[in-house]
C-alpha atoms as a PDB file:
ATOM      1  CA  MET A   1      15.864 -23.409  59.096  1.00  0.00           C
ATOM      2  CA  THR A   2      17.745 -20.323  57.936  1.00  0.00           C
ATOM      3  CA  ALA A   3      16.763 -18.400  61.067  1.00  0.00           C
ATOM      4  CA  TRP A   4      17.699 -21.355  63.316  1.00  0.00           C
ATOM      5  CA  GLN A   5      21.227 -21.309  61.878  1.00  0.00           C
ATOM      6  CA  HIS A   6      21.702 -17.656  62.843  1.00  0.00           C
ATOM      7  CA  ALA A   7      20.196 -17.746  66.342  1.00  0.00           C
ATOM      8  CA  GLN A   8      22.143 -18.061  69.557  1.00  0.00           C
ATOM      9  CA  THR A   9      18.958 -18.958  71.461  1.00  0.00           C
ATOM     10  CA  VAL A  10      15.962 -20.794  70.004  1.00  0.00           C
ATOM     11  CA  ILE A  11      12.645 -20.707  71.837  1.00  0.00           C
ATOM     12  CA  TYR A  12       9.975 -22.960  70.349  1.00  0.00           C
ATOM     13  CA  LEU A  13       6.694 -21.535  71.592  1.00  0.00           C
ATOM     14  CA  GLY A  14       4.854 -24.453  69.990  1.00  0.00           C
ATOM     15  CA  GLN A  15       6.041 -26.558  72.948  1.00  0.00           C
ATOM     16  CA  GLU A  16       3.720 -26.042  75.893  1.00  0.00           C
ATOM     17  CA  ALA A  17       6.478 -25.996  78.532  1.00  0.00           C
ATOM     18  CA  GLU A  18       8.292 -23.125  76.797  1.00  0.00           C
ATOM     19  CA  ALA A  19       5.053 -21.322  75.946  1.00  0.00           C
ATOM     20  CA  ARG A  20       3.934 -21.487  79.597  1.00  0.00           C
ATOM     21  CA  VAL A  21       7.069 -19.618  80.737  1.00  0.00           C
ATOM     22  CA  PHE A  22       6.476 -16.863  78.186  1.00  0.00           C
ATOM     23  CA  ARG A  23       2.771 -16.603  78.985  1.00  0.00           C
ATOM     24  CA  ALA A  24       3.599 -16.107  82.672  1.00  0.00           C
ATOM     25  CA  ASP A  25       6.023 -13.197  82.114  1.00  0.00           C
ATOM     26  CA  PRO A  26       7.482 -12.715  78.625  1.00  0.00           C
ATOM     27  CA  ASP A  27       9.722  -9.819  79.701  1.00  0.00           C
ATOM     28  CA  VAL A  28      11.437 -11.913  82.359  1.00  0.00           C
ATOM     29  CA  ALA A  29      11.605 -14.928  80.037  1.00  0.00           C
ATOM     30  CA  LEU A  30      13.542 -12.905  77.422  1.00  0.00           C
ATOM     31  CA  ARG A  31      15.947 -11.349  79.910  1.00  0.00           C
ATOM     32  CA  GLY A  32      19.492 -12.700  79.817  1.00  0.00           C
ATOM     33  CA  LEU A  33      19.091 -14.932  76.765  1.00  0.00           C
ATOM     34  CA  ALA A  34      21.981 -15.036  74.280  1.00  0.00           C
ATOM     35  CA  GLU A  35      21.161 -12.981  71.170  1.00  0.00           C
ATOM     36  CA  PRO A  36      20.030 -13.176  68.479  1.00  0.00           C
ATOM     37  CA  ILE A  37      16.931 -14.867  69.851  1.00  0.00           C
ATOM     38  CA  LEU A  38      14.619 -16.876  67.611  1.00  0.00           C
ATOM     39  CA  LEU A  39      11.019 -17.039  68.811  1.00  0.00           C
ATOM     40  CA  ASP A  40       9.516 -19.785  66.681  1.00  0.00           C
ATOM     41  CA  GLU A  41       5.732 -20.165  66.474  1.00  0.00           C
ATOM     42  CA  TRP A  42       5.346 -16.764  68.168  1.00  0.00           C
ATOM     43  CA  ARG A  43       1.618 -16.686  67.427  1.00  0.00           C
ATOM     44  CA  GLU A  44       1.149 -19.337  70.142  1.00  0.00           C
ATOM     45  CA  VAL A  45       1.998 -16.632  72.705  1.00  0.00           C
ATOM     46  CA  PRO A  46       0.982 -13.303  71.130  1.00  0.00           C
ATOM     47  CA  GLY A  47       1.977 -11.463  74.318  1.00  0.00           C
ATOM     48  CA  VAL A  48       5.618 -12.127  73.443  1.00  0.00           C
ATOM     49  CA  LEU A  49       5.349  -9.328  70.857  1.00  0.00           C
ATOM     50  CA  GLY A  50       4.915  -6.749  73.598  1.00  0.00           C
ATOM     51  CA  ALA A  51       8.024  -8.056  75.368  1.00  0.00           C
ATOM     52  CA  VAL A  52      10.008  -7.846  72.125  1.00  0.00           C
ATOM     53  CA  LYS A  53       8.734  -4.284  71.603  1.00  0.00           C
ATOM     54  CA  ARG A  54       9.853  -3.243  75.074  1.00  0.00           C
ATOM     55  CA  ALA A  55      13.252  -4.932  74.617  1.00  0.00           C
ATOM     56  CA  VAL A  56      13.760  -3.190  71.263  1.00  0.00           C
ATOM     57  CA  ASP A  57      12.690   0.146  72.747  1.00  0.00           C
ATOM     58  CA  ALA A  58      15.293  -0.305  75.503  1.00  0.00           C
ATOM     59  CA  ASP A  59      18.043  -1.354  73.054  1.00  0.00           C
ATOM     60  CA  PRO A  60      17.271  -0.681  69.365  1.00  0.00           C
ATOM     61  CA  GLN A  61      20.276  -2.604  68.022  1.00  0.00           C
ATOM     62  CA  PRO A  62      18.989  -4.453  64.918  1.00  0.00           C
ATOM     63  CA  GLY A  63      19.007  -8.213  64.567  1.00  0.00           C
ATOM     64  CA  ARG A  64      18.339  -9.103  68.203  1.00  0.00           C
ATOM     65  CA  PHE A  65      15.121 -11.032  67.578  1.00  0.00           C
ATOM     66  CA  MET A  66      13.714 -13.232  64.843  1.00  0.00           C
ATOM     67  CA  LEU A  67      10.050 -14.208  64.990  1.00  0.00           C
ATOM     68  CA  THR A  68       9.010 -17.123  62.832  1.00  0.00           C
ATOM     69  CA  GLY A  69       6.050 -19.391  62.308  1.00  0.00           C
ATOM     70  CA  SER A  70       4.916 -22.082  59.958  1.00  0.00           C
ATOM     71  CA  VAL A  71       1.565 -20.389  59.406  1.00  0.00           C
ATOM     72  CA  TYR A  72       1.136 -16.834  58.171  1.00  0.00           C
ATOM     73  CA  ALA A  73      -0.143 -14.712  61.035  1.00  0.00           C
ATOM     74  CA  GLU A  74      -1.160 -11.130  60.553  1.00  0.00           C
ATOM     75  CA  LEU A  75       0.037  -8.519  63.004  1.00  0.00           C
ATOM     76  CA  ASP A  76      -2.852  -6.301  63.951  1.00  0.00           C
ATOM     77  CA  ALA A  77      -3.757  -3.701  66.537  1.00  0.00           C
ATOM     78  CA  ALA A  78      -4.861  -6.444  68.929  1.00  0.00           C
ATOM     79  CA  THR A  79      -1.299  -7.772  69.056  1.00  0.00           C
ATOM     80  CA  TRP A  80       1.209  -5.165  67.917  1.00  0.00           C
ATOM     81  CA  SER A  81       1.900  -3.569  64.562  1.00  0.00           C
ATOM     82  CA  GLY A  82       5.696  -3.540  64.939  1.00  0.00           C
ATOM     83  CA  THR A  83       5.890  -0.142  63.252  1.00  0.00           C
ATOM     84  CA  GLY A  84       9.461   1.090  63.227  1.00  0.00           C
ATOM     85  CA  ARG A  85      10.732  -2.013  65.014  1.00  0.00           C
ATOM     86  CA  LEU A  86       9.935  -4.939  62.761  1.00  0.00           C
ATOM     87  CA  VAL A  87      10.924  -5.928  59.261  1.00  0.00           C
ATOM     88  CA  ARG A  88       8.727  -8.567  57.681  1.00  0.00           C
ATOM     89  CA  LEU A  89      10.393 -11.024  55.326  1.00  0.00           C
ATOM     90  CA  THR A  90       8.550 -13.695  53.411  1.00  0.00           C
ATOM     91  CA  MET A  91      10.732 -16.775  53.194  1.00  0.00           C
ATOM     92  CA  TRP A  92      10.099 -18.851  50.097  1.00  0.00           C
ATOM     93  CA  ARG A  93      11.344 -22.349  49.455  1.00  0.00           C
ATOM     94  CA  LEU A  94      15.042 -22.506  48.763  1.00  0.00           C
ATOM     95  CA  THR A  95      16.140 -22.436  45.158  1.00  0.00           C
ATOM     96  CA  GLY A  96      18.779 -24.836  43.852  1.00  0.00           C
ATOM     97  CA  ARG A  97      21.283 -21.962  43.945  1.00  0.00           C
ATOM     98  CA  GLU A  98      20.594 -21.377  47.644  1.00  0.00           C
ATOM     99  CA  ARG A  99      20.575 -25.061  48.585  1.00  0.00           C
ATOM    100  CA  PHE A 100      23.741 -26.039  46.771  1.00  0.00           C
ATOM    101  CA  GLY A 101      25.675 -22.805  47.130  1.00  0.00           C
ATOM    102  CA  ASP A 102      26.521 -19.997  44.779  1.00  0.00           C
ATOM    103  CA  PRO A 103      29.829 -18.291  45.527  1.00  0.00           C
ATOM    104  CA  THR A 104      28.607 -15.030  43.995  1.00  0.00           C
ATOM    105  CA  THR A 105      25.856 -14.408  46.564  1.00  0.00           C
ATOM    106  CA  GLY A 106      25.638 -14.588  50.338  1.00  0.00           C
ATOM    107  CA  SER A 107      22.684 -15.704  52.375  1.00  0.00           C
ATOM    108  CA  LEU A 108      19.792 -13.374  53.064  1.00  0.00           C
ATOM    109  CA  PHE A 109      20.946 -12.907  56.657  1.00  0.00           C
ATOM    110  CA  ASP A 110      24.516 -12.187  55.549  1.00  0.00           C
ATOM    111  CA  ARG A 111      23.251  -9.497  53.182  1.00  0.00           C
ATOM    112  CA  LEU A 112      21.034  -7.955  55.865  1.00  0.00           C
ATOM    113  CA  ALA A 113      23.935  -7.889  58.320  1.00  0.00           C
ATOM    114  CA  ASP A 114      26.319  -6.382  55.752  1.00  0.00           C
ATOM    115  CA  ASP A 115      23.968  -3.857  54.170  1.00  0.00           C
ATOM    116  CA  GLY A 116      21.567  -3.155  57.015  1.00  0.00           C
ATOM    117  CA  VAL A 117      17.831  -2.875  56.606  1.00  0.00           C
ATOM    118  CA  GLU A 118      15.932   0.311  56.124  1.00  0.00           C
ATOM    119  CA  VAL A 119      12.772   0.266  58.196  1.00  0.00           C
ATOM    120  CA  PHE A 120       9.831   2.395  57.177  1.00  0.00           C
ATOM    121  CA  ASP A 121       7.411   3.570  59.847  1.00  0.00           C
ATOM    122  CA  GLY A 122       4.672   4.425  57.402  1.00  0.00           C
ATOM    123  CA  GLY A 123       5.439   8.170  57.538  1.00  0.00           C
END
């Protein structure tokens, strides 16, 4: 839900009609969408990772894409490692402080936007 609130475009790849478009040509399907783009249930169309990689290579501005899923899916060499382009965040259930507001802290996405994220490429 947190990612949905920060996205300009939400693509739910768990819906066959949307998944079909991305299976046909993920690069074209991403083109022209309002950013940030949330690709929910990305594992349903693993080829979308390559399109995200190419889009990030063309324009490395952070925060353009969010990939989410309800089931943990490992990124491996068969899909794409995301090295240098992807930051993995584990989202836990919301605490009472997060759900009901705490004026002393911002949301995770606010903090990432304000402070930036350092990405390690394994080197």
